[in-house]
N, C-alpha and C. Protein backbone atom coordinates (compact mmCIF):
# COMPACT_ATOMS: atom_id res chain seq x y z
N UNK A 1 -113.23 200.29 -35.81
CA UNK A 1 -112.99 199.88 -37.19
C UNK A 1 -112.56 198.43 -37.20
N UNK A 2 -113.19 197.63 -38.05
CA UNK A 2 -112.84 196.21 -38.18
C UNK A 2 -112.56 195.96 -39.65
N UNK A 3 -111.33 195.54 -39.96
CA UNK A 3 -110.98 195.29 -41.34
C UNK A 3 -110.20 193.99 -41.47
N UNK A 4 -109.88 193.62 -42.71
CA UNK A 4 -109.26 192.34 -43.01
C UNK A 4 -108.01 192.52 -43.86
N UNK A 5 -107.10 191.56 -43.74
CA UNK A 5 -106.01 191.48 -44.70
C UNK A 5 -106.46 190.56 -45.84
N UNK A 6 -105.64 190.48 -46.88
CA UNK A 6 -105.96 189.60 -48.00
C UNK A 6 -105.90 188.14 -47.57
N UNK A 7 -106.62 187.28 -48.27
CA UNK A 7 -106.54 185.85 -48.00
C UNK A 7 -105.15 185.33 -48.34
N UNK A 8 -104.77 184.24 -47.71
CA UNK A 8 -103.45 183.67 -47.93
C UNK A 8 -103.15 183.39 -49.39
N UNK A 9 -101.93 183.70 -49.78
CA UNK A 9 -101.52 183.45 -51.16
C UNK A 9 -101.64 184.65 -52.07
N UNK A 10 -102.24 185.74 -51.56
CA UNK A 10 -102.38 186.97 -52.35
C UNK A 10 -101.63 188.10 -51.65
N UNK A 11 -100.79 188.86 -52.35
CA UNK A 11 -100.05 189.94 -51.72
C UNK A 11 -100.96 190.95 -51.02
N UNK A 12 -100.49 191.48 -49.90
CA UNK A 12 -101.25 192.45 -49.13
C UNK A 12 -101.02 193.87 -49.66
N UNK A 13 -102.08 194.60 -50.02
CA UNK A 13 -101.91 196.00 -50.44
C UNK A 13 -101.37 196.86 -49.30
N UNK A 14 -100.56 197.85 -49.64
CA UNK A 14 -100.02 198.77 -48.64
C UNK A 14 -101.01 199.87 -48.28
N UNK A 15 -102.10 199.97 -49.03
CA UNK A 15 -103.09 201.02 -48.77
C UNK A 15 -103.66 200.92 -47.35
N UNK A 16 -103.65 199.71 -46.79
CA UNK A 16 -104.17 199.52 -45.45
C UNK A 16 -103.42 200.37 -44.42
N UNK A 17 -102.16 200.74 -44.75
CA UNK A 17 -101.35 201.51 -43.81
C UNK A 17 -101.75 202.97 -43.73
N UNK A 18 -102.36 203.49 -44.78
CA UNK A 18 -102.77 204.90 -44.77
C UNK A 18 -104.12 205.09 -44.10
N UNK A 19 -104.80 203.98 -43.77
CA UNK A 19 -106.13 204.08 -43.17
C UNK A 19 -106.11 204.51 -41.72
N UNK A 20 -105.05 204.13 -41.00
CA UNK A 20 -105.02 204.33 -39.55
C UNK A 20 -105.17 205.80 -39.17
N UNK A 21 -104.44 206.66 -39.85
CA UNK A 21 -104.52 208.09 -39.51
C UNK A 21 -105.91 208.64 -39.81
N UNK A 22 -106.52 208.16 -40.89
CA UNK A 22 -107.88 208.59 -41.23
C UNK A 22 -108.86 208.20 -40.13
N UNK A 23 -108.76 206.96 -39.66
CA UNK A 23 -109.64 206.51 -38.56
C UNK A 23 -109.43 207.36 -37.31
N UNK A 24 -108.16 207.66 -37.04
CA UNK A 24 -107.83 208.47 -35.85
C UNK A 24 -108.44 209.86 -35.98
N UNK A 25 -108.30 210.46 -37.15
CA UNK A 25 -108.84 211.81 -37.37
C UNK A 25 -110.36 211.84 -37.30
N UNK A 26 -110.99 210.71 -37.63
CA UNK A 26 -112.45 210.62 -37.55
C UNK A 26 -112.96 210.35 -36.13
N UNK A 27 -112.01 210.13 -35.22
CA UNK A 27 -112.40 209.91 -33.83
C UNK A 27 -112.57 208.47 -33.43
N UNK A 28 -112.16 207.54 -34.27
CA UNK A 28 -112.28 206.12 -33.92
C UNK A 28 -111.37 205.82 -32.72
N UNK A 29 -111.86 205.00 -31.81
CA UNK A 29 -111.06 204.66 -30.63
C UNK A 29 -110.78 203.16 -30.52
N UNK A 30 -111.27 202.39 -31.48
CA UNK A 30 -111.05 200.94 -31.47
C UNK A 30 -110.70 200.49 -32.89
N UNK A 31 -109.61 199.77 -33.00
CA UNK A 31 -109.10 199.38 -34.32
C UNK A 31 -108.72 197.90 -34.29
N UNK A 32 -109.28 197.14 -35.23
CA UNK A 32 -109.02 195.70 -35.27
C UNK A 32 -108.81 195.26 -36.71
N UNK A 33 -107.78 194.46 -36.92
CA UNK A 33 -107.56 193.87 -38.24
C UNK A 33 -107.52 192.36 -38.10
N UNK A 34 -108.35 191.69 -38.88
CA UNK A 34 -108.34 190.23 -38.88
C UNK A 34 -107.44 189.74 -40.00
N UNK A 35 -106.41 188.99 -39.63
CA UNK A 35 -105.49 188.46 -40.63
C UNK A 35 -106.03 187.19 -41.24
N UNK A 36 -106.18 187.17 -42.57
CA UNK A 36 -106.73 186.01 -43.25
C UNK A 36 -105.64 185.10 -43.81
N UNK A 37 -104.41 185.35 -43.44
CA UNK A 37 -103.31 184.51 -43.91
C UNK A 37 -102.03 184.95 -43.25
N UNK A 38 -100.96 184.24 -43.56
CA UNK A 38 -99.65 184.63 -43.03
C UNK A 38 -98.57 184.36 -44.08
N UNK A 39 -97.62 185.26 -44.15
CA UNK A 39 -96.47 185.11 -45.02
C UNK A 39 -95.50 186.24 -44.69
N UNK A 40 -94.33 186.21 -45.29
CA UNK A 40 -93.30 187.18 -44.95
C UNK A 40 -93.57 188.57 -45.50
N UNK A 41 -94.48 188.71 -46.47
CA UNK A 41 -94.82 190.05 -46.96
C UNK A 41 -95.78 190.74 -46.01
N UNK A 42 -96.85 190.06 -45.61
CA UNK A 42 -97.85 190.70 -44.75
C UNK A 42 -97.34 190.88 -43.33
N UNK A 43 -96.32 190.10 -42.91
CA UNK A 43 -95.74 190.32 -41.59
C UNK A 43 -95.15 191.72 -41.48
N UNK A 44 -94.55 192.19 -42.56
CA UNK A 44 -93.99 193.55 -42.58
C UNK A 44 -95.12 194.56 -42.43
N UNK A 45 -96.20 194.37 -43.17
CA UNK A 45 -97.34 195.28 -43.12
C UNK A 45 -97.93 195.29 -41.72
N UNK A 46 -98.02 194.13 -41.09
CA UNK A 46 -98.59 194.05 -39.75
C UNK A 46 -97.74 194.81 -38.73
N UNK A 47 -96.42 194.75 -38.88
CA UNK A 47 -95.53 195.48 -37.97
C UNK A 47 -95.79 196.98 -38.07
N UNK A 48 -95.88 197.48 -39.30
CA UNK A 48 -96.14 198.91 -39.49
C UNK A 48 -97.51 199.28 -38.92
N UNK A 49 -98.50 198.43 -39.13
CA UNK A 49 -99.83 198.68 -38.58
C UNK A 49 -99.78 198.83 -37.06
N UNK A 50 -99.01 197.97 -36.42
CA UNK A 50 -98.91 198.00 -34.96
C UNK A 50 -98.31 199.32 -34.48
N UNK A 51 -97.31 199.83 -35.20
CA UNK A 51 -96.71 201.11 -34.81
C UNK A 51 -97.72 202.25 -34.96
N UNK A 52 -98.51 202.20 -36.03
CA UNK A 52 -99.49 203.24 -36.30
C UNK A 52 -100.65 203.19 -35.31
N UNK A 53 -101.01 201.99 -34.88
CA UNK A 53 -102.08 201.88 -33.89
C UNK A 53 -101.66 202.52 -32.56
N UNK A 54 -100.37 202.48 -32.28
CA UNK A 54 -99.83 203.09 -31.07
C UNK A 54 -99.69 204.60 -31.22
N UNK A 55 -99.28 205.03 -32.41
CA UNK A 55 -99.08 206.46 -32.66
C UNK A 55 -99.45 206.75 -34.12
N UNK A 56 -100.69 207.23 -34.31
CA UNK A 56 -101.21 207.45 -35.67
C UNK A 56 -100.56 208.62 -36.38
N UNK A 57 -99.76 209.41 -35.68
CA UNK A 57 -99.13 210.57 -36.31
C UNK A 57 -97.89 210.18 -37.12
N UNK A 58 -97.43 208.95 -36.96
CA UNK A 58 -96.22 208.53 -37.67
C UNK A 58 -96.50 208.35 -39.17
N UNK A 59 -95.45 208.51 -39.96
CA UNK A 59 -95.55 208.36 -41.42
C UNK A 59 -95.39 206.89 -41.79
N UNK A 60 -96.41 206.26 -42.38
CA UNK A 60 -96.30 204.83 -42.71
C UNK A 60 -95.16 204.51 -43.67
N UNK A 61 -94.87 205.41 -44.60
CA UNK A 61 -93.78 205.16 -45.54
C UNK A 61 -92.43 205.14 -44.83
N UNK A 62 -92.27 206.05 -43.85
CA UNK A 62 -91.02 206.07 -43.09
C UNK A 62 -90.90 204.84 -42.21
N UNK A 63 -92.01 204.40 -41.65
CA UNK A 63 -91.99 203.19 -40.84
C UNK A 63 -91.62 201.98 -41.69
N UNK A 64 -92.17 201.92 -42.89
CA UNK A 64 -91.86 200.82 -43.81
C UNK A 64 -90.37 200.83 -44.15
N UNK A 65 -89.85 202.00 -44.40
CA UNK A 65 -88.44 202.15 -44.72
C UNK A 65 -87.57 201.72 -43.54
N UNK A 66 -87.96 202.14 -42.33
CA UNK A 66 -87.21 201.79 -41.13
C UNK A 66 -87.17 200.29 -40.92
N UNK A 67 -88.34 199.64 -41.05
CA UNK A 67 -88.38 198.19 -40.86
C UNK A 67 -87.45 197.50 -41.84
N UNK A 68 -87.57 197.83 -43.11
CA UNK A 68 -86.78 197.15 -44.13
C UNK A 68 -85.28 197.32 -43.91
N UNK A 69 -84.87 198.52 -43.55
CA UNK A 69 -83.45 198.78 -43.35
C UNK A 69 -82.91 198.08 -42.10
N UNK A 70 -83.71 198.06 -41.04
CA UNK A 70 -83.24 197.45 -39.80
C UNK A 70 -83.35 195.93 -39.81
N UNK A 71 -84.29 195.40 -40.55
CA UNK A 71 -84.52 193.95 -40.55
C UNK A 71 -83.69 193.25 -41.62
N UNK A 72 -83.54 193.90 -42.79
CA UNK A 72 -82.83 193.26 -43.90
C UNK A 72 -81.46 193.87 -44.16
N UNK A 73 -81.08 194.86 -43.39
CA UNK A 73 -79.74 195.44 -43.53
C UNK A 73 -79.52 196.07 -44.89
N UNK A 74 -78.41 195.72 -45.53
CA UNK A 74 -78.03 196.32 -46.82
C UNK A 74 -79.04 196.03 -47.92
N UNK A 75 -79.85 195.00 -47.74
CA UNK A 75 -80.85 194.64 -48.75
C UNK A 75 -82.21 195.29 -48.49
N UNK A 76 -82.30 196.11 -47.46
CA UNK A 76 -83.58 196.70 -47.08
C UNK A 76 -84.25 197.52 -48.17
N UNK A 77 -83.47 198.33 -48.86
CA UNK A 77 -84.06 199.17 -49.91
C UNK A 77 -84.59 198.32 -51.06
N UNK A 78 -83.94 197.19 -51.32
CA UNK A 78 -84.40 196.30 -52.38
C UNK A 78 -85.73 195.65 -52.01
N UNK A 79 -85.88 195.27 -50.74
CA UNK A 79 -87.14 194.69 -50.29
C UNK A 79 -88.26 195.72 -50.43
N UNK A 80 -87.97 196.95 -50.04
CA UNK A 80 -88.99 198.00 -50.15
C UNK A 80 -89.34 198.24 -51.62
N UNK A 81 -88.37 198.15 -52.50
CA UNK A 81 -88.63 198.30 -53.94
C UNK A 81 -89.61 197.23 -54.41
N UNK A 82 -89.43 196.01 -53.94
CA UNK A 82 -90.31 194.91 -54.35
C UNK A 82 -91.71 195.10 -53.76
N UNK A 83 -91.78 195.56 -52.50
CA UNK A 83 -93.08 195.84 -51.89
C UNK A 83 -93.84 196.89 -52.69
N UNK A 84 -93.14 197.91 -53.12
CA UNK A 84 -93.76 198.99 -53.89
C UNK A 84 -94.10 198.54 -55.31
N UNK A 85 -93.30 197.63 -55.85
CA UNK A 85 -93.59 197.05 -57.17
C UNK A 85 -94.91 196.29 -57.14
N UNK A 86 -95.08 195.46 -56.11
CA UNK A 86 -96.31 194.71 -55.95
C UNK A 86 -97.49 195.65 -55.73
N UNK A 87 -97.29 196.64 -54.84
CA UNK A 87 -98.38 197.56 -54.52
C UNK A 87 -98.79 198.39 -55.74
N UNK A 88 -97.80 198.75 -56.57
CA UNK A 88 -98.11 199.49 -57.79
C UNK A 88 -98.99 198.69 -58.72
N UNK A 89 -98.76 197.38 -58.77
CA UNK A 89 -99.59 196.50 -59.60
C UNK A 89 -101.00 196.40 -59.02
N UNK A 90 -101.10 196.33 -57.70
CA UNK A 90 -102.41 196.25 -57.04
C UNK A 90 -103.23 197.50 -57.34
N UNK A 91 -102.59 198.65 -57.34
CA UNK A 91 -103.31 199.91 -57.55
C UNK A 91 -103.86 200.05 -58.97
N UNK A 92 -103.42 199.20 -59.87
CA UNK A 92 -103.94 199.23 -61.24
C UNK A 92 -105.19 198.36 -61.40
N UNK A 93 -105.50 197.56 -60.39
CA UNK A 93 -106.68 196.71 -60.48
C UNK A 93 -107.94 197.56 -60.48
N UNK A 94 -108.93 197.21 -61.27
CA UNK A 94 -110.18 197.99 -61.28
C UNK A 94 -110.94 197.88 -59.97
N UNK A 95 -110.72 196.75 -59.25
CA UNK A 95 -111.39 196.55 -57.97
C UNK A 95 -110.56 195.59 -57.14
N UNK A 96 -110.35 195.92 -55.87
CA UNK A 96 -109.59 195.05 -54.98
C UNK A 96 -110.56 194.31 -54.08
N UNK A 97 -110.57 192.99 -54.17
CA UNK A 97 -111.42 192.15 -53.33
C UNK A 97 -110.63 191.72 -52.10
N UNK A 98 -111.10 190.70 -51.40
CA UNK A 98 -110.38 190.21 -50.23
C UNK A 98 -109.24 189.27 -50.60
N UNK A 99 -109.03 189.08 -51.87
CA UNK A 99 -107.93 188.24 -52.29
C UNK A 99 -108.39 186.87 -52.74
N UNK A 100 -107.54 186.19 -53.47
CA UNK A 100 -107.86 184.88 -53.99
C UNK A 100 -107.02 184.60 -55.21
N UNK A 101 -107.25 183.46 -55.82
CA UNK A 101 -106.44 183.04 -56.95
C UNK A 101 -106.48 184.04 -58.10
N UNK A 102 -107.67 184.55 -58.39
CA UNK A 102 -107.80 185.50 -59.50
C UNK A 102 -107.03 186.78 -59.25
N UNK A 103 -107.11 187.29 -58.02
CA UNK A 103 -106.38 188.51 -57.68
C UNK A 103 -104.88 188.29 -57.76
N UNK A 104 -104.42 187.13 -57.28
CA UNK A 104 -102.98 186.85 -57.30
C UNK A 104 -102.43 186.90 -58.72
N UNK A 105 -103.13 186.26 -59.66
CA UNK A 105 -102.61 186.23 -61.03
C UNK A 105 -102.70 187.61 -61.69
N UNK A 106 -103.67 188.42 -61.27
CA UNK A 106 -103.77 189.78 -61.82
C UNK A 106 -102.65 190.68 -61.29
N UNK A 107 -102.31 190.50 -60.03
CA UNK A 107 -101.25 191.31 -59.40
C UNK A 107 -99.87 190.88 -59.90
N UNK A 108 -99.64 189.57 -59.92
CA UNK A 108 -98.32 189.04 -60.28
C UNK A 108 -98.21 188.91 -61.80
N UNK A 109 -98.11 190.04 -62.46
CA UNK A 109 -97.95 190.07 -63.91
C UNK A 109 -96.56 189.57 -64.28
N UNK A 110 -96.36 189.31 -65.57
CA UNK A 110 -95.05 188.87 -66.02
C UNK A 110 -93.99 189.92 -65.69
N UNK A 111 -94.35 191.20 -65.80
CA UNK A 111 -93.39 192.27 -65.51
C UNK A 111 -93.04 192.30 -64.03
N UNK A 112 -94.03 192.18 -63.16
CA UNK A 112 -93.77 192.18 -61.71
C UNK A 112 -92.88 191.00 -61.35
N UNK A 113 -93.16 189.83 -61.92
CA UNK A 113 -92.35 188.64 -61.65
C UNK A 113 -90.92 188.87 -62.11
N UNK A 114 -90.76 189.36 -63.31
CA UNK A 114 -89.42 189.56 -63.87
C UNK A 114 -88.61 190.57 -63.06
N UNK A 115 -89.20 191.73 -62.78
CA UNK A 115 -88.49 192.79 -62.07
C UNK A 115 -88.24 192.42 -60.61
N UNK A 116 -89.23 191.79 -59.98
CA UNK A 116 -89.06 191.39 -58.59
C UNK A 116 -87.97 190.34 -58.41
N UNK A 117 -87.95 189.37 -59.29
CA UNK A 117 -86.92 188.33 -59.21
C UNK A 117 -85.53 188.94 -59.41
N UNK A 118 -85.41 189.85 -60.35
CA UNK A 118 -84.12 190.48 -60.62
C UNK A 118 -83.65 191.30 -59.41
N UNK A 119 -84.56 192.05 -58.81
CA UNK A 119 -84.21 192.88 -57.66
C UNK A 119 -83.79 192.02 -56.48
N UNK A 120 -84.52 190.95 -56.21
CA UNK A 120 -84.20 190.10 -55.06
C UNK A 120 -82.93 189.28 -55.28
N UNK A 121 -82.67 188.90 -56.52
CA UNK A 121 -81.42 188.19 -56.81
C UNK A 121 -80.22 189.07 -56.48
N UNK A 122 -80.33 190.34 -56.83
CA UNK A 122 -79.25 191.28 -56.52
C UNK A 122 -79.16 191.52 -55.01
N UNK A 123 -80.32 191.57 -54.36
CA UNK A 123 -80.36 191.81 -52.92
C UNK A 123 -79.68 190.68 -52.15
N UNK A 124 -79.86 189.45 -52.60
CA UNK A 124 -79.28 188.29 -51.92
C UNK A 124 -77.76 188.34 -51.93
N UNK A 125 -77.19 189.03 -52.92
CA UNK A 125 -75.73 189.18 -52.99
C UNK A 125 -75.22 190.19 -51.96
N UNK A 126 -76.11 191.07 -51.49
CA UNK A 126 -75.70 192.11 -50.54
C UNK A 126 -75.80 191.66 -49.09
N UNK A 127 -76.72 190.74 -48.82
CA UNK A 127 -77.03 190.38 -47.44
C UNK A 127 -76.13 189.25 -46.94
N UNK A 128 -76.01 189.18 -45.62
CA UNK A 128 -75.22 188.11 -45.00
C UNK A 128 -75.78 187.80 -43.63
N UNK A 129 -75.39 186.65 -43.11
CA UNK A 129 -75.75 186.22 -41.76
C UNK A 129 -77.26 186.26 -41.52
N UNK A 130 -77.67 186.84 -40.40
CA UNK A 130 -79.08 186.83 -40.02
C UNK A 130 -79.95 187.57 -41.02
N UNK A 131 -79.44 188.70 -41.54
CA UNK A 131 -80.22 189.45 -42.52
C UNK A 131 -80.47 188.64 -43.79
N UNK A 132 -79.50 187.82 -44.17
CA UNK A 132 -79.68 187.00 -45.37
C UNK A 132 -80.72 185.91 -45.13
N UNK A 133 -80.73 185.32 -43.95
CA UNK A 133 -81.74 184.31 -43.62
C UNK A 133 -83.14 184.92 -43.72
N UNK A 134 -83.28 186.14 -43.23
CA UNK A 134 -84.57 186.82 -43.30
C UNK A 134 -84.94 187.11 -44.75
N UNK A 135 -83.96 187.53 -45.54
CA UNK A 135 -84.21 187.85 -46.94
C UNK A 135 -84.60 186.61 -47.73
N UNK A 136 -84.00 185.48 -47.41
CA UNK A 136 -84.35 184.23 -48.08
C UNK A 136 -85.82 183.90 -47.82
N UNK A 137 -86.29 184.12 -46.60
CA UNK A 137 -87.70 183.86 -46.29
C UNK A 137 -88.61 184.80 -47.07
N UNK A 138 -88.22 186.07 -47.18
CA UNK A 138 -89.02 187.01 -47.96
C UNK A 138 -89.01 186.61 -49.43
N UNK A 139 -87.86 186.19 -49.93
CA UNK A 139 -87.75 185.77 -51.32
C UNK A 139 -88.63 184.54 -51.58
N UNK A 140 -88.69 183.63 -50.61
CA UNK A 140 -89.55 182.46 -50.75
C UNK A 140 -91.01 182.86 -50.89
N UNK A 141 -91.42 183.84 -50.09
CA UNK A 141 -92.81 184.32 -50.18
C UNK A 141 -93.07 184.96 -51.54
N UNK A 142 -92.13 185.78 -51.99
CA UNK A 142 -92.31 186.42 -53.30
C UNK A 142 -92.39 185.37 -54.40
N UNK A 143 -91.51 184.37 -54.33
CA UNK A 143 -91.51 183.32 -55.35
C UNK A 143 -92.80 182.51 -55.30
N UNK A 144 -93.35 182.33 -54.10
CA UNK A 144 -94.63 181.65 -53.96
C UNK A 144 -95.72 182.44 -54.67
N UNK A 145 -95.74 183.76 -54.48
CA UNK A 145 -96.70 184.60 -55.19
C UNK A 145 -96.52 184.46 -56.70
N UNK A 146 -95.26 184.47 -57.15
CA UNK A 146 -94.98 184.35 -58.59
C UNK A 146 -95.54 183.05 -59.15
N UNK A 147 -95.21 181.95 -58.51
CA UNK A 147 -95.59 180.65 -59.04
C UNK A 147 -97.09 180.42 -58.92
N UNK A 148 -97.70 181.00 -57.90
CA UNK A 148 -99.16 180.89 -57.80
C UNK A 148 -99.81 181.67 -58.94
N UNK A 149 -99.30 182.87 -59.20
CA UNK A 149 -99.84 183.65 -60.31
C UNK A 149 -99.69 182.94 -61.63
N UNK A 150 -98.54 182.29 -61.84
CA UNK A 150 -98.29 181.60 -63.10
C UNK A 150 -99.21 180.39 -63.28
N UNK A 151 -99.41 179.61 -62.21
CA UNK A 151 -100.24 178.43 -62.40
C UNK A 151 -101.71 178.79 -62.55
N UNK A 152 -102.15 179.84 -61.85
CA UNK A 152 -103.55 180.25 -62.00
C UNK A 152 -103.79 180.80 -63.40
N UNK A 153 -102.83 181.56 -63.91
CA UNK A 153 -102.95 182.09 -65.27
C UNK A 153 -103.03 180.94 -66.28
N UNK A 154 -102.25 179.90 -66.04
CA UNK A 154 -102.26 178.74 -66.93
C UNK A 154 -103.59 177.99 -66.84
N UNK A 155 -104.14 177.90 -65.63
CA UNK A 155 -105.44 177.24 -65.46
C UNK A 155 -106.53 178.02 -66.18
N UNK A 156 -106.53 179.35 -66.01
CA UNK A 156 -107.54 180.19 -66.68
C UNK A 156 -107.45 179.99 -68.19
N UNK A 157 -106.22 179.94 -68.71
CA UNK A 157 -106.01 179.74 -70.14
C UNK A 157 -106.54 178.38 -70.59
N UNK A 158 -106.27 177.35 -69.77
CA UNK A 158 -106.73 176.01 -70.12
C UNK A 158 -108.25 175.92 -70.14
N UNK A 159 -108.88 176.58 -69.17
CA UNK A 159 -110.35 176.55 -69.12
C UNK A 159 -110.96 177.33 -70.28
N UNK A 160 -110.20 178.29 -70.78
CA UNK A 160 -110.68 179.08 -71.91
C UNK A 160 -110.47 178.33 -73.24
N UNK A 161 -109.28 177.78 -73.43
CA UNK A 161 -108.95 177.13 -74.70
C UNK A 161 -109.49 175.71 -74.80
N UNK A 162 -109.53 175.00 -73.69
CA UNK A 162 -110.03 173.62 -73.68
C UNK A 162 -109.25 172.71 -74.64
N UNK A 163 -107.94 172.85 -74.66
CA UNK A 163 -107.10 172.00 -75.50
C UNK A 163 -106.20 171.14 -74.62
N UNK A 164 -105.80 169.96 -75.10
CA UNK A 164 -104.89 169.11 -74.32
C UNK A 164 -103.59 169.83 -73.96
N UNK A 165 -103.06 170.61 -74.90
CA UNK A 165 -101.79 171.29 -74.66
C UNK A 165 -101.91 172.33 -73.54
N UNK A 166 -103.03 173.06 -73.55
CA UNK A 166 -103.23 174.08 -72.52
C UNK A 166 -103.42 173.43 -71.16
N UNK A 167 -104.15 172.32 -71.13
CA UNK A 167 -104.36 171.61 -69.85
C UNK A 167 -103.03 171.05 -69.34
N UNK A 168 -102.23 170.51 -70.23
CA UNK A 168 -100.93 169.97 -69.84
C UNK A 168 -100.04 171.05 -69.24
N UNK A 169 -100.08 172.25 -69.84
CA UNK A 169 -99.28 173.35 -69.33
C UNK A 169 -99.76 173.78 -67.94
N UNK A 170 -101.06 173.78 -67.73
CA UNK A 170 -101.62 174.15 -66.43
C UNK A 170 -101.17 173.16 -65.36
N UNK A 171 -101.26 171.88 -65.66
CA UNK A 171 -100.85 170.85 -64.71
C UNK A 171 -99.36 170.98 -64.39
N UNK A 172 -98.57 171.28 -65.42
CA UNK A 172 -97.13 171.44 -65.23
C UNK A 172 -96.82 172.61 -64.29
N UNK A 173 -97.53 173.74 -64.46
CA UNK A 173 -97.31 174.91 -63.60
C UNK A 173 -97.75 174.64 -62.16
N UNK A 174 -98.84 173.92 -62.00
CA UNK A 174 -99.30 173.57 -60.65
C UNK A 174 -98.28 172.67 -59.97
N UNK A 175 -97.76 171.68 -60.70
CA UNK A 175 -96.77 170.77 -60.12
C UNK A 175 -95.50 171.52 -59.73
N UNK A 176 -95.11 172.49 -60.53
CA UNK A 176 -93.93 173.29 -60.20
C UNK A 176 -94.15 174.05 -58.89
N UNK A 177 -95.38 174.57 -58.73
CA UNK A 177 -95.71 175.28 -57.49
C UNK A 177 -95.64 174.35 -56.30
N UNK A 178 -96.26 173.18 -56.41
CA UNK A 178 -96.30 172.23 -55.30
C UNK A 178 -94.89 171.75 -54.95
N UNK A 179 -94.08 171.48 -55.95
CA UNK A 179 -92.70 171.05 -55.71
C UNK A 179 -91.90 172.13 -54.99
N UNK A 180 -92.09 173.39 -55.41
CA UNK A 180 -91.38 174.48 -54.76
C UNK A 180 -91.83 174.62 -53.31
N UNK A 181 -93.13 174.53 -53.08
CA UNK A 181 -93.67 174.63 -51.72
C UNK A 181 -93.05 173.57 -50.81
N UNK A 182 -93.02 172.36 -51.29
CA UNK A 182 -92.50 171.26 -50.48
C UNK A 182 -90.99 171.37 -50.29
N UNK A 183 -90.30 171.75 -51.35
CA UNK A 183 -88.84 171.90 -51.28
C UNK A 183 -88.44 172.96 -50.26
N UNK A 184 -89.18 174.07 -50.23
CA UNK A 184 -88.85 175.17 -49.32
C UNK A 184 -89.60 175.08 -47.99
N UNK A 185 -90.41 174.05 -47.82
CA UNK A 185 -91.18 173.84 -46.59
C UNK A 185 -91.94 175.11 -46.21
N UNK A 186 -92.71 175.62 -47.15
CA UNK A 186 -93.37 176.91 -46.97
C UNK A 186 -94.50 176.89 -45.95
N UNK A 187 -94.92 175.71 -45.51
CA UNK A 187 -95.95 175.67 -44.48
C UNK A 187 -95.45 176.26 -43.16
N UNK A 188 -94.13 176.41 -43.03
CA UNK A 188 -93.57 177.04 -41.82
C UNK A 188 -93.78 178.54 -41.82
N UNK A 189 -93.80 179.15 -42.99
CA UNK A 189 -93.88 180.62 -43.05
C UNK A 189 -95.13 181.14 -43.73
N UNK A 190 -95.86 180.28 -44.43
CA UNK A 190 -97.06 180.70 -45.16
C UNK A 190 -98.26 179.85 -44.75
N UNK A 191 -99.45 180.34 -45.04
CA UNK A 191 -100.67 179.61 -44.69
C UNK A 191 -100.74 178.29 -45.44
N UNK A 192 -100.85 177.16 -44.73
CA UNK A 192 -100.92 175.84 -45.40
C UNK A 192 -102.09 175.71 -46.37
N UNK A 193 -103.15 176.49 -46.16
CA UNK A 193 -104.31 176.41 -47.05
C UNK A 193 -103.95 176.78 -48.49
N UNK A 194 -102.87 177.52 -48.68
CA UNK A 194 -102.44 177.90 -50.03
C UNK A 194 -102.07 176.65 -50.82
N UNK A 195 -101.38 175.72 -50.16
CA UNK A 195 -101.02 174.46 -50.80
C UNK A 195 -102.27 173.66 -51.12
N UNK A 196 -103.23 173.67 -50.19
CA UNK A 196 -104.48 172.96 -50.42
C UNK A 196 -105.20 173.47 -51.66
N UNK A 197 -105.14 174.79 -51.87
CA UNK A 197 -105.77 175.37 -53.05
C UNK A 197 -105.12 174.88 -54.33
N UNK A 198 -103.79 174.76 -54.32
CA UNK A 198 -103.07 174.26 -55.50
C UNK A 198 -103.48 172.83 -55.81
N UNK A 199 -103.65 172.03 -54.78
CA UNK A 199 -104.04 170.63 -54.99
C UNK A 199 -105.45 170.53 -55.55
N UNK A 200 -106.31 171.47 -55.15
CA UNK A 200 -107.66 171.48 -55.73
C UNK A 200 -107.61 171.85 -57.21
N UNK A 201 -106.80 172.84 -57.57
CA UNK A 201 -106.65 173.23 -58.97
C UNK A 201 -106.06 172.08 -59.79
N UNK A 202 -105.27 171.23 -59.11
CA UNK A 202 -104.62 170.11 -59.81
C UNK A 202 -105.65 169.16 -60.42
N UNK A 203 -106.88 169.21 -59.93
CA UNK A 203 -107.94 168.33 -60.43
C UNK A 203 -108.35 168.68 -61.86
N UNK A 204 -107.79 169.78 -62.39
CA UNK A 204 -108.08 170.14 -63.79
C UNK A 204 -107.64 169.02 -64.72
N UNK A 205 -106.71 168.19 -64.26
CA UNK A 205 -106.23 167.08 -65.07
C UNK A 205 -107.37 166.12 -65.45
N UNK A 206 -108.43 166.08 -64.61
CA UNK A 206 -109.54 165.17 -64.85
C UNK A 206 -110.56 165.72 -65.83
N UNK A 207 -110.41 167.00 -66.19
CA UNK A 207 -111.38 167.62 -67.11
C UNK A 207 -111.08 167.18 -68.54
N UNK A 208 -112.10 166.74 -69.23
CA UNK A 208 -111.94 166.34 -70.63
C UNK A 208 -112.08 167.54 -71.55
N UNK A 209 -111.05 167.85 -72.35
CA UNK A 209 -111.13 168.99 -73.26
C UNK A 209 -112.28 168.86 -74.24
N UNK A 210 -112.90 169.98 -74.60
CA UNK A 210 -114.03 169.95 -75.53
C UNK A 210 -113.62 170.53 -76.89
């Protein structure tokens, strides 16, 4: 079996974790996943995948719970809540592609952004020391997803409305994303190509409204 993760900048569905046992039951003896990006959300998924590749009889949900509790300490359950919040949004999509700007904005709805931010803000109050450093990195990835979803939604709106105000709002959201990326030095934990995509979208400023 040869499969892929989502492209960088788009949250990874958890459905990939339930596939391993199915492949095992079908008699598959070779399993490969090509990672199309990196960030603190998909790193968790990859860890669970590795455990399942070693022992397909394990419960992926229990493995996910174990990782979150052992890696994030008191904030572990909150991280799992956010992972499930994102995954719940993904499961509502009519079709899941390999990921991209359009998928990110569809997944990161205003509700997901609002609830995820609230959950992680509370989680940061519970964590300390090494666990808090890890949680900050996860929060950075979540916030990156949020801001990418917001700027793509603004770009789609600008391309639809073709008004100066809509274009100005799109440019403003893109700049907020780029500033956050640079401020948090996200190239250390996320795929640098995500920033490149934002800079390409920034060229919307050159489009003349009709």
